[in-house]
């Protein structure tokens, strides 16, 4: 495949900087920690790193409340260090993808601070969504829009002492930008150029379907079609402008687009818009053969008309870790169903997560690996008094939040704090050192060894389309290149392997009769 098309089949590693590695010993992951671990990432074999926001931020929502897109938060390092990281990674054959959060900024952003000082009716407030309230004295919010934090009953409007209300689909510390204003569009195109000129290869777009709002801000309960703030047609003009900027630099986009309508989802992937978008149907799918088969088929079908590659991901910084989720009675994922104390069989979950790794890495398109998935980390249950995620607080304490998948990584089994650095900003559970990278690197049967082998061998599947093969109902079997097959047994009994000349890789041992056990995957060459 041509070098410029690397993103069509890349293995991309997601770095949540705050929890990756702490280089200065203050308990917070930083760019120095990432730079020190670049050899580890190169040995893992990934093609690119996607960094969650590393910008200046008050950290009211894990860095997704950005105060300045051109400044690295001091907790992580400096802009000069980010430039070194981008260059050093590139020397190892690893590209960099940065995260842009266009829907909103921090309430500490200079634009919003200026809007607060300027007062009602000012040009500064036109960059956001300021409105007078309803009711006899303007005491009621301007409309009935719900929070984008699932389970939250808190309003998306905050009233200021001067009587104006401002819109924030997430937290009050994240005021929404007005994308109908030309200055907002120009600023973001300038931000894209700023980072492309510093060597980044791509941009991940947070909440990509939420930017445009109906200018009348009507009530959701009475708004006519289309939706007043989700998937509005105006978005496509924005992304066509962005694509023109990316094309100047050979850059690529991946959008966070949660949409149930597959035809409308595909519109974002037209040749003059985004290159790729995350595949949330596969990520949230239960460990069930028919459901996974349907998800894979649907994903490939919705990408085909626009010629875009699919993406595959098992977990990210918002989602319950794969090992824990697959060990539960309900193996799917739904934000609304998250609860404290949900039991999980981690041995079962680990076996399934190993098989799922081989499944996802064999599918056509790009695959994303969230940090720690290659170590088989489970979800941690954070003590209530240590939770930082606003999703927990805005649910009234019912939702455990997302901190459980953000616990700092274990690097060295015998070192303090499992080699992460200083005392971590989130507590590492008892036994965390057992998952340490150094211990797994020495174990050929470890999760880390499996990921390294699978990423190295992945090119044997080539770049061809997926062809399903005859298989029992609870077995997924397909090929993409002549003579190379992926077979995954999700049933409750062992099954015979198809005829083959070589077992390339297995997620677990075959049974005594050479059959494929339950919750196990293999790659075969015939």
Protein backbone atom coordinates (compact mmCIF):
# COMPACT_ATOMS: atom_id res chain seq x y z
CA UNK A 1 0.00 0.00 0.00
CA UNK A 2 1.29 3.49 -0.86
CA UNK A 3 2.96 5.39 1.97
CA UNK A 4 0.37 8.17 1.85
CA UNK A 5 -2.37 5.60 2.49
CA UNK A 6 -0.81 4.31 5.73
CA UNK A 7 -3.95 5.25 7.69
CA UNK A 8 -6.11 2.77 5.78
CA UNK A 9 -4.61 -0.23 7.58
CA UNK A 10 -2.69 1.28 10.49
CA UNK A 11 -2.34 -0.05 14.01
CA UNK A 12 -2.78 3.06 16.16
CA UNK A 13 -2.03 3.25 19.89
CA UNK A 14 -4.05 5.62 22.07
CA UNK A 15 -2.00 7.51 24.65
CA UNK A 16 -3.83 9.03 27.61
CA UNK A 17 -0.80 11.09 28.64
CA UNK A 18 -1.82 11.68 32.25
CA UNK A 19 -1.76 7.93 32.92
CA UNK A 20 0.90 6.61 30.53
CA UNK A 21 4.28 7.23 32.21
CA UNK A 22 5.52 9.84 34.67
CA UNK A 23 8.93 11.19 33.71
CA UNK A 24 9.41 13.78 36.46
CA UNK A 25 8.06 11.87 39.47
CA UNK A 26 5.11 14.12 40.30
CA UNK A 27 2.49 11.39 39.86
CA UNK A 28 1.13 12.70 36.55
CA UNK A 29 2.06 11.17 33.21
CA UNK A 30 3.91 13.53 30.90
CA UNK A 31 5.66 13.86 27.56
CA UNK A 32 9.01 12.96 29.12
CA UNK A 33 7.46 9.67 30.18
CA UNK A 34 6.16 9.02 26.68
CA UNK A 35 9.53 9.85 25.08
CA UNK A 36 11.26 7.41 27.43
CA UNK A 37 8.82 4.66 26.40
CA UNK A 38 9.04 5.18 22.64
CA UNK A 39 11.25 2.06 22.26
CA UNK A 40 8.48 0.04 23.95
CA UNK A 41 5.93 1.41 21.48
CA UNK A 42 8.24 0.74 18.55
CA UNK A 43 8.69 -2.86 19.72
CA UNK A 44 4.92 -3.20 20.02
CA UNK A 45 4.90 -2.40 16.30
CA UNK A 46 2.29 0.36 16.10
CA UNK A 47 2.16 2.76 13.16
CA UNK A 48 0.91 5.84 15.00
CA UNK A 49 0.12 7.31 18.41
CA UNK A 50 -3.13 9.13 19.11
CA UNK A 51 -2.75 11.51 22.05
CA UNK A 52 -5.72 12.61 24.11
CA UNK A 53 -5.66 16.40 24.67
CA UNK A 54 -2.29 17.57 25.99
CA UNK A 55 -3.12 21.28 25.85
CA UNK A 56 -3.30 23.89 28.60
CA UNK A 57 -6.37 22.99 30.64
CA UNK A 58 -7.87 23.33 34.14
CA UNK A 59 -8.59 19.57 33.84
CA UNK A 60 -12.26 19.82 34.77
CA UNK A 61 -12.96 17.08 32.20
CA UNK A 62 -9.70 15.21 31.72
CA UNK A 63 -8.21 17.85 29.42
CA UNK A 64 -11.24 18.10 27.13
CA UNK A 65 -11.72 21.61 28.54
CA UNK A 66 -9.02 23.38 26.53
CA UNK A 67 -7.78 26.84 27.53
CA UNK A 68 -5.18 27.17 24.74
CA UNK A 69 -4.66 24.81 21.79
CA UNK A 70 -1.17 26.12 21.08
CA UNK A 71 0.25 25.54 24.57
CA UNK A 72 1.11 22.20 26.19
CA UNK A 73 -0.20 21.95 29.74
CA UNK A 74 2.74 22.41 32.15
CA UNK A 75 1.76 19.16 33.89
CA UNK A 76 2.72 17.36 30.67
CA UNK A 77 5.67 19.42 29.45
CA UNK A 78 6.29 22.12 26.87
CA UNK A 79 5.60 22.76 23.21
CA UNK A 80 9.30 22.23 22.47
CA UNK A 81 9.10 18.81 24.13
CA UNK A 82 6.00 17.92 22.11
CA UNK A 83 7.89 18.82 18.93
CA UNK A 84 10.78 16.58 20.03
CA UNK A 85 8.36 13.75 20.77
CA UNK A 86 6.72 14.06 17.34
CA UNK A 87 10.14 14.01 15.65
CA UNK A 88 11.59 11.17 17.75
CA UNK A 89 8.53 9.02 17.19
CA UNK A 90 8.74 9.66 13.45
CA UNK A 91 12.37 8.51 13.43
CA UNK A 92 11.07 5.19 14.80
CA UNK A 93 8.43 4.99 12.07
CA UNK A 94 5.60 6.12 14.38
CA UNK A 95 3.33 8.98 13.36
CA UNK A 96 1.45 11.30 15.72
CA UNK A 97 -2.27 12.08 15.85
CA UNK A 98 -3.47 14.91 18.11
CA UNK A 99 -6.92 15.44 19.59
CA UNK A 100 -8.92 18.56 18.70
CA UNK A 101 -12.03 19.48 20.72
CA UNK A 102 -14.02 21.84 18.47
CA UNK A 103 -17.43 21.81 20.15
CA UNK A 104 -16.35 23.75 23.23
CA UNK A 105 -13.46 25.36 25.08
CA UNK A 106 -12.59 25.82 28.74
CA UNK A 107 -14.27 28.62 30.65
CA UNK A 108 -10.68 29.80 31.21
CA UNK A 109 -10.11 30.25 27.46
CA UNK A 110 -9.32 33.92 26.62
CA UNK A 111 -12.36 34.16 24.34
CA UNK A 112 -14.77 33.14 27.09
CA UNK A 113 -13.09 35.31 29.71
CA UNK A 114 -13.43 38.26 27.32
CA UNK A 115 -17.09 37.39 26.75
CA UNK A 116 -17.77 37.40 30.48
CA UNK A 117 -16.21 40.84 30.87
CA UNK A 118 -17.85 42.35 27.78
CA UNK A 119 -21.42 41.76 28.94
CA UNK A 120 -24.76 41.06 27.26
CA UNK A 121 -25.10 41.86 23.57
CA UNK A 122 -21.37 42.24 23.00
CA UNK A 123 -19.49 40.93 19.94
CA UNK A 124 -17.39 38.78 22.27
CA UNK A 125 -20.48 36.84 23.35
CA UNK A 126 -21.36 36.09 19.72
CA UNK A 127 -18.53 33.51 19.68
CA UNK A 128 -20.61 31.39 22.09
CA UNK A 129 -24.32 30.73 22.68
CA UNK A 130 -25.50 33.39 25.14
CA UNK A 131 -29.24 33.92 25.55
CA UNK A 132 -31.70 35.55 27.90
CA UNK A 133 -33.72 33.13 29.95
CA UNK A 134 -37.39 32.31 29.84
CA UNK A 135 -39.93 33.03 32.54
CA UNK A 136 -41.18 36.32 33.93
CA UNK A 137 -37.72 37.33 35.08
CA UNK A 138 -35.52 35.26 32.77
CA UNK A 139 -35.05 32.75 35.57
CA UNK A 140 -35.62 29.66 33.39
CA UNK A 141 -33.07 28.15 30.94
CA UNK A 142 -33.52 29.16 27.28
CA UNK A 143 -34.43 25.62 26.18
CA UNK A 144 -34.80 22.01 27.30
CA UNK A 145 -31.66 20.46 25.79
CA UNK A 146 -30.22 17.50 27.74
CA UNK A 147 -26.64 17.06 28.94
CA UNK A 148 -24.37 14.89 26.80
CA UNK A 149 -23.24 13.07 29.94
CA UNK A 150 -25.50 10.02 30.00
CA UNK A 151 -27.49 9.84 33.22
CA UNK A 152 -26.99 13.50 34.07
CA UNK A 153 -30.10 15.50 34.95
CA UNK A 154 -28.21 18.78 35.30
CA UNK A 155 -29.07 21.62 32.89
CA UNK A 156 -26.89 22.55 29.92
CA UNK A 157 -27.35 26.26 30.64
CA UNK A 158 -25.65 28.33 33.32
CA UNK A 159 -26.92 31.79 34.32
CA UNK A 160 -24.54 34.67 34.92
CA UNK A 161 -25.11 37.52 37.37
CA UNK A 162 -25.84 39.85 34.43
CA UNK A 163 -28.86 37.73 33.49
CA UNK A 164 -27.46 35.98 30.40
CA UNK A 165 -27.35 32.20 30.18
CA UNK A 166 -24.65 30.32 28.24
CA UNK A 167 -24.84 26.88 26.63
CA UNK A 168 -22.61 23.94 27.58
CA UNK A 169 -23.61 20.49 26.35
CA UNK A 170 -21.06 19.02 28.76
CA UNK A 171 -19.93 20.71 31.99
CA UNK A 172 -20.43 24.40 32.92
CA UNK A 173 -16.65 24.72 32.56
CA UNK A 174 -16.96 23.81 28.84
CA UNK A 175 -18.95 26.56 27.04
CA UNK A 176 -20.04 25.60 23.52
CA UNK A 177 -18.64 27.61 20.62
CA UNK A 178 -20.89 29.22 18.00
CA UNK A 179 -19.84 27.55 14.75
CA UNK A 180 -21.98 29.90 12.71
CA UNK A 181 -19.43 32.63 13.50
CA UNK A 182 -16.63 32.95 10.89
CA UNK A 183 -14.01 33.69 13.57
CA UNK A 184 -14.63 30.28 15.16
CA UNK A 185 -14.11 28.53 11.84
CA UNK A 186 -10.99 30.52 11.02
CA UNK A 187 -9.45 29.89 14.43
CA UNK A 188 -9.82 26.14 14.13
CA UNK A 189 -8.36 26.06 10.64
CA UNK A 190 -5.40 28.00 12.02
CA UNK A 191 -5.08 25.48 14.86
CA UNK A 192 -5.01 22.62 12.37
CA UNK A 193 -2.22 24.33 10.43
CA UNK A 194 -0.32 25.02 13.66
CA UNK A 195 -0.12 21.30 14.47
CA UNK A 196 0.36 20.02 10.92
CA UNK A 197 3.33 22.39 10.63
CA UNK A 198 4.80 20.78 13.72
CA UNK A 199 4.76 17.39 12.08
CA UNK A 200 1.58 15.70 13.22
CA UNK A 201 0.16 13.23 10.73
CA UNK A 202 -3.46 13.41 11.75
CA UNK A 203 -6.19 14.82 13.96
CA UNK A 204 -8.87 13.06 15.96
CA UNK A 205 -12.03 15.18 16.19
CA UNK A 206 -13.89 15.00 19.50
CA UNK A 207 -17.72 15.00 19.46
CA UNK A 208 -17.57 15.61 15.74
CA UNK A 209 -21.34 15.56 15.16
CA UNK A 210 -22.24 18.21 17.76
CA UNK A 211 -20.65 21.45 16.52
CA UNK A 212 -23.50 23.02 14.54
CA UNK A 213 -26.65 24.21 16.33
CA UNK A 214 -30.02 25.38 15.06
CA UNK A 215 -29.66 29.19 15.34
CA UNK A 216 -33.09 29.44 16.96
CA UNK A 217 -32.03 26.98 19.74
CA UNK A 218 -35.54 25.44 19.84
CA UNK A 219 -36.73 23.06 22.53
CA UNK A 220 -35.79 19.47 21.76
CA UNK A 221 -39.30 18.33 22.61
CA UNK A 222 -40.86 20.50 19.90
CA UNK A 223 -38.00 20.93 17.40
CA UNK A 224 -38.80 19.78 13.88
CA UNK A 225 -36.43 17.49 12.02
CA UNK A 226 -33.44 17.82 11.81
CA UNK A 227 -32.08 17.55 15.33
CA UNK A 228 -31.21 20.99 16.74
CA UNK A 229 -27.64 20.07 17.70
CA UNK A 230 -26.72 16.59 16.45
CA UNK A 231 -25.64 15.71 12.88
CA UNK A 232 -26.77 18.93 11.24
CA UNK A 233 -26.12 19.41 7.53
CA UNK A 234 -24.01 22.52 8.18
CA UNK A 235 -21.28 20.28 9.60
CA UNK A 236 -20.30 18.95 6.20
CA UNK A 237 -19.28 22.37 4.93
CA UNK A 238 -17.08 22.75 8.02
CA UNK A 239 -15.36 19.42 7.41
CA UNK A 240 -14.89 20.10 3.71
CA UNK A 241 -12.99 23.22 4.71
CA UNK A 242 -10.96 21.22 7.21
CA UNK A 243 -10.19 18.57 4.58
CA UNK A 244 -8.73 21.24 2.31
CA UNK A 245 -6.36 22.22 5.12
CA UNK A 246 -5.39 18.60 5.81
CA UNK A 247 -4.73 17.96 2.13
CA UNK A 248 -2.19 20.80 2.10
CA UNK A 249 -0.09 18.77 4.56
CA UNK A 250 -1.02 15.20 3.71
CA UNK A 251 -2.81 14.96 7.06
CA UNK A 252 -5.70 12.68 7.99
CA UNK A 253 -8.77 12.89 10.21
CA UNK A 254 -10.59 10.41 12.43
CA UNK A 255 -13.95 11.61 13.73
CA UNK A 256 -15.79 10.67 16.90
CA UNK A 257 -19.21 10.24 15.30
CA UNK A 258 -21.92 8.42 17.25
CA UNK A 259 -24.89 8.02 14.87
CA UNK A 260 -27.47 5.22 14.54
CA UNK A 261 -28.25 6.12 10.91
CA UNK A 262 -25.62 4.33 8.80
CA UNK A 263 -26.37 6.34 5.67
CA UNK A 264 -25.88 9.65 7.47
CA UNK A 265 -22.77 8.31 9.20
CA UNK A 266 -21.23 7.52 5.81
CA UNK A 267 -21.72 11.11 4.68
CA UNK A 268 -18.91 12.20 6.99
CA UNK A 269 -16.56 9.85 5.13
CA UNK A 270 -17.08 11.17 1.63
CA UNK A 271 -13.79 11.75 -0.25
CA UNK A 272 -13.72 15.48 0.50
CA UNK A 273 -14.56 15.22 4.23
CA UNK A 274 -13.14 12.99 6.99
CA UNK A 275 -10.82 10.10 6.20
CA UNK A 276 -12.09 7.77 8.93
CA UNK A 277 -14.48 7.65 11.90
CA UNK A 278 -14.59 5.51 15.00
CA UNK A 279 -16.67 2.35 14.90
CA UNK A 280 -18.79 2.42 18.04
CA UNK A 281 -21.05 -0.45 17.04
CA UNK A 282 -18.13 -2.91 17.22
CA UNK A 283 -16.75 -1.36 20.42
CA UNK A 284 -20.05 -1.75 22.29
CA UNK A 285 -21.00 -5.12 20.80
CA UNK A 286 -21.45 -8.08 23.20
CA UNK A 287 -19.24 -11.17 22.96
CA UNK A 288 -21.76 -12.96 20.76
CA UNK A 289 -21.01 -14.51 17.37
CA UNK A 290 -24.15 -13.35 15.57
CA UNK A 291 -24.03 -9.84 17.01
CA UNK A 292 -20.35 -9.45 16.10
CA UNK A 293 -20.90 -10.89 12.62
CA UNK A 294 -23.73 -8.39 12.09
CA UNK A 295 -21.62 -5.50 13.40
CA UNK A 296 -18.72 -6.37 11.10
CA UNK A 297 -20.98 -6.79 8.06
CA UNK A 298 -22.84 -3.54 8.75
CA UNK A 299 -19.61 -1.62 9.32
CA UNK A 300 -18.06 -2.78 6.07
CA UNK A 301 -21.29 -2.13 4.16
CA UNK A 302 -21.68 1.44 5.41
CA UNK A 303 -18.07 2.31 4.50
CA UNK A 304 -18.12 0.71 1.05
CA UNK A 305 -20.16 3.36 -0.85
CA UNK A 306 -17.68 6.12 0.06
CA UNK A 307 -14.52 4.00 -0.22
CA UNK A 308 -13.44 4.72 3.35
CA UNK A 309 -11.65 2.18 5.53
CA UNK A 310 -13.35 0.90 8.67
CA UNK A 311 -11.85 1.32 12.12
CA UNK A 312 -11.91 -1.29 14.89
CA UNK A 313 -11.49 -0.66 18.59
CA UNK A 314 -12.27 -2.69 21.71
CA UNK A 315 -11.84 0.00 24.35
CA UNK A 316 -10.86 3.64 24.87
CA UNK A 317 -10.52 6.25 27.62
CA UNK A 318 -14.32 6.39 28.10
CA UNK A 319 -15.21 2.68 27.93
CA UNK A 320 -15.01 -0.14 30.50
CA UNK A 321 -11.84 -2.14 29.83
CA UNK A 322 -12.25 -5.19 27.63
CA UNK A 323 -11.05 -7.80 30.14
CA UNK A 324 -13.61 -6.67 32.71
CA UNK A 325 -16.47 -6.17 30.26
CA UNK A 326 -16.05 -9.57 28.61
CA UNK A 327 -16.03 -11.26 32.02
CA UNK A 328 -19.46 -9.95 32.95
CA UNK A 329 -22.88 -11.43 32.37
CA UNK A 330 -23.66 -8.51 30.05
CA UNK A 331 -20.63 -8.27 27.77
CA UNK A 332 -21.85 -5.26 25.79
CA UNK A 333 -21.33 -1.63 26.72
CA UNK A 334 -23.87 1.06 27.45
CA UNK A 335 -23.07 4.26 29.35
CA UNK A 336 -26.52 4.18 30.94
CA UNK A 337 -25.93 0.70 32.39
CA UNK A 338 -22.69 1.46 34.25
CA UNK A 339 -22.92 0.76 37.98
CA UNK A 340 -20.70 0.25 40.99
CA UNK A 341 -19.88 -3.30 42.05
CA UNK A 342 -20.75 -5.13 38.83
CA UNK A 343 -19.03 -8.55 39.15
CA UNK A 344 -16.66 -9.88 36.51
CA UNK A 345 -14.84 -13.18 35.93
CA UNK A 346 -11.43 -11.81 34.96
CA UNK A 347 -10.05 -15.18 33.82
CA UNK A 348 -12.97 -15.55 31.40
CA UNK A 349 -12.69 -11.92 30.36
CA UNK A 350 -8.98 -12.28 29.69
CA UNK A 351 -9.50 -15.35 27.52
CA UNK A 352 -12.13 -13.54 25.49
CA UNK A 353 -10.05 -10.34 25.27
CA UNK A 354 -7.14 -12.33 23.82
CA UNK A 355 -9.44 -13.80 21.18
CA UNK A 356 -10.96 -10.39 20.47
CA UNK A 357 -7.49 -8.94 19.93
CA UNK A 358 -6.84 -11.43 17.12
CA UNK A 359 -10.30 -10.80 15.69
CA UNK A 360 -9.92 -7.02 15.58
CA UNK A 361 -6.37 -7.14 14.21
CA UNK A 362 -7.45 -9.44 11.36
CA UNK A 363 -10.27 -7.21 10.10
CA UNK A 364 -9.82 -4.90 7.09
CA UNK A 365 -9.10 -1.28 8.00
CA UNK A 366 -7.34 0.49 10.85
CA UNK A 367 -7.27 -0.77 14.44
CA UNK A 368 -6.91 1.32 17.60
CA UNK A 369 -5.36 -0.08 20.79
CA UNK A 370 -6.01 1.83 24.00
CA UNK A 371 -3.00 1.98 26.31
CA UNK A 372 -2.96 -0.94 28.73
CA UNK A 373 -5.12 -3.20 26.57
CA UNK A 374 -1.89 -4.84 25.39
CA UNK A 375 -1.20 -5.61 29.06
CA UNK A 376 -4.65 -7.08 29.66
CA UNK A 377 -5.47 -4.51 32.34
CA UNK A 378 -8.89 -4.85 33.98
CA UNK A 379 -11.15 -1.97 34.92
CA UNK A 380 -10.24 -0.60 38.34
CA UNK A 381 -12.95 0.35 40.83
CA UNK A 382 -11.86 3.72 42.17
CA UNK A 383 -12.73 4.61 45.77
CA UNK A 384 -15.49 7.19 45.73
CA UNK A 385 -13.37 9.76 47.50
CA UNK A 386 -10.70 9.53 44.76
CA UNK A 387 -12.99 9.79 41.71
CA UNK A 388 -12.30 12.83 39.53
CA UNK A 389 -14.51 12.22 36.48
CA UNK A 390 -17.33 14.80 36.17
CA UNK A 391 -19.60 12.11 34.71
CA UNK A 392 -19.75 10.61 38.22
CA UNK A 393 -20.68 13.88 39.91
CA UNK A 394 -23.18 14.99 37.28
CA UNK A 395 -25.02 11.67 37.70
CA UNK A 396 -25.50 12.38 41.39
CA UNK A 397 -22.91 9.72 42.26
CA UNK A 398 -24.74 6.83 40.58
CA UNK A 399 -22.33 6.45 37.65
CA UNK A 400 -18.85 5.20 38.65
CA UNK A 401 -17.42 7.39 35.88
CA UNK A 402 -14.57 6.69 33.51
CA UNK A 403 -11.59 6.85 35.87
CA UNK A 404 -11.49 3.05 36.16
CA UNK A 405 -10.02 2.70 32.66
CA UNK A 406 -7.62 5.63 33.20
CA UNK A 407 -5.53 4.24 36.07
CA UNK A 408 -1.77 4.81 35.48
CA UNK A 409 0.04 1.96 33.73
CA UNK A 410 2.30 -0.56 35.47
CA UNK A 411 5.76 -0.70 33.90
CA UNK A 412 8.11 -2.39 36.38
CA UNK A 413 6.82 -5.03 38.76
CA UNK A 414 9.36 -4.47 41.54
CA UNK A 415 9.47 -0.67 41.45
CA UNK A 416 7.40 1.73 43.58
CA UNK A 417 4.02 2.43 42.02
CA UNK A 418 4.74 -0.38 39.52
CA UNK A 419 7.29 1.84 37.77
CA UNK A 420 4.82 4.52 36.71
CA UNK A 421 6.78 7.26 38.48
CA UNK A 422 5.59 9.22 41.51
CA UNK A 423 2.49 8.38 43.51
CA UNK A 424 -0.16 8.19 40.76
CA UNK A 425 -2.91 10.76 40.45
CA UNK A 426 -5.39 7.84 40.49
CA UNK A 427 -4.73 4.91 42.84
CA UNK A 428 -3.41 1.68 41.34
CA UNK A 429 -5.31 -1.35 42.71
CA UNK A 430 -3.64 -4.03 44.78
CA UNK A 431 -1.93 -6.51 42.49
CA UNK A 432 -1.45 -3.99 39.67
CA UNK A 433 2.26 -4.87 39.48
CA UNK A 434 1.34 -8.36 38.25
CA UNK A 435 0.42 -6.75 34.92
CA UNK A 436 3.71 -4.85 34.59
CA UNK A 437 5.20 -4.54 31.12
CA UNK A 438 8.64 -5.82 32.17
CA UNK A 439 7.17 -9.01 33.59
CA UNK A 440 5.01 -9.59 30.51
CA UNK A 441 7.89 -8.89 28.12
CA UNK A 442 9.68 -11.91 29.60
CA UNK A 443 6.63 -14.20 29.28
CA UNK A 444 5.92 -15.59 25.78
CA UNK A 445 2.37 -16.46 26.88
CA UNK A 446 1.51 -12.94 28.10
CA UNK A 447 -1.02 -10.54 26.63
CA UNK A 448 1.82 -8.22 25.65
CA UNK A 449 3.57 -11.02 23.75
CA UNK A 450 0.31 -11.81 21.94
CA UNK A 451 -0.18 -8.20 20.84
CA UNK A 452 3.42 -7.90 19.67
CA UNK A 453 3.14 -11.07 17.62
CA UNK A 454 -0.26 -10.18 16.18
CA UNK A 455 0.75 -6.66 15.11
CA UNK A 456 3.93 -8.01 13.53
CA UNK A 457 2.05 -10.76 11.65
CA UNK A 458 -0.97 -8.66 10.71
CA UNK A 459 0.28 -7.83 7.17
CA UNK A 460 -0.22 -11.49 6.15
CA UNK A 461 -3.92 -10.65 5.73
CA UNK A 462 -3.08 -8.19 2.97
CA UNK A 463 -5.38 -5.39 1.89
CA UNK A 464 -8.17 -7.36 0.29
CA UNK A 465 -11.85 -7.45 1.24
CA UNK A 466 -13.23 -9.79 3.88
CA UNK A 467 -14.79 -13.05 2.69
CA UNK A 468 -16.82 -15.06 5.18
CA UNK A 469 -16.15 -18.80 5.26
CA UNK A 470 -18.57 -21.62 6.13
CA UNK A 471 -18.52 -22.19 9.90
CA UNK A 472 -20.75 -23.32 12.78
CA UNK A 473 -23.21 -20.75 14.10
CA UNK A 474 -21.04 -19.73 17.06
CA UNK A 475 -17.83 -19.48 15.03
CA UNK A 476 -16.56 -16.51 13.03
CA UNK A 477 -14.36 -17.52 10.11
CA UNK A 478 -13.10 -15.34 7.29
CA UNK A 479 -10.24 -14.74 4.92
CA UNK A 480 -8.79 -11.63 3.30
CA UNK A 481 -5.78 -13.03 1.47
CA UNK A 482 -5.37 -16.31 -0.34
CA UNK A 483 -4.69 -19.03 2.16
CA UNK A 484 -4.85 -16.94 5.36
CA UNK A 485 -7.80 -17.35 7.72
CA UNK A 486 -9.02 -16.02 11.04
CA UNK A 487 -11.24 -18.37 13.05
CA UNK A 488 -12.85 -17.39 16.37
CA UNK A 489 -14.86 -19.81 18.51
CA UNK A 490 -17.47 -18.02 20.64
CA UNK A 491 -19.40 -21.21 21.42
CA UNK A 492 -19.39 -23.44 24.48
CA UNK A 493 -17.61 -26.46 22.97
CA UNK A 494 -14.40 -27.05 21.03
CA UNK A 495 -14.63 -27.16 17.24
CA UNK A 496 -12.47 -28.76 14.57
CA UNK A 497 -10.05 -26.47 12.79
CA UNK A 498 -10.34 -26.23 9.01
CA UNK A 499 -7.57 -27.88 6.98
CA UNK A 500 -4.40 -25.83 7.20
CA UNK A 501 -0.67 -26.08 6.68
CA UNK A 502 0.43 -23.73 9.45
CA UNK A 503 -0.93 -22.33 12.69
CA UNK A 504 0.35 -18.76 12.56
CA UNK A 505 -0.96 -17.55 15.91
CA UNK A 506 -3.42 -18.58 18.61
CA UNK A 507 -4.95 -16.59 21.44
CA UNK A 508 -4.76 -19.67 23.66
CA UNK A 509 -3.81 -23.36 23.53
CA UNK A 510 -5.75 -25.86 21.45
CA UNK A 511 -7.40 -28.72 23.33
CA UNK A 512 -5.87 -32.19 23.63
CA UNK A 513 -7.49 -33.23 20.36
CA UNK A 514 -6.09 -30.25 18.46
CA UNK A 515 -9.49 -28.56 18.33
CA UNK A 516 -10.23 -24.86 18.88
CA UNK A 517 -11.61 -24.34 22.41
CA UNK A 518 -14.32 -21.89 23.37
CA UNK A 519 -13.39 -18.20 23.49
CA UNK A 520 -10.24 -18.78 21.45
CA UNK A 521 -9.06 -17.41 18.10
CA UNK A 522 -6.46 -18.60 15.59
CA UNK A 523 -4.80 -17.34 12.44
CA UNK A 524 -4.16 -20.11 9.93
CA UNK A 525 -2.31 -20.48 6.65
CA UNK A 526 -3.64 -23.19 4.33
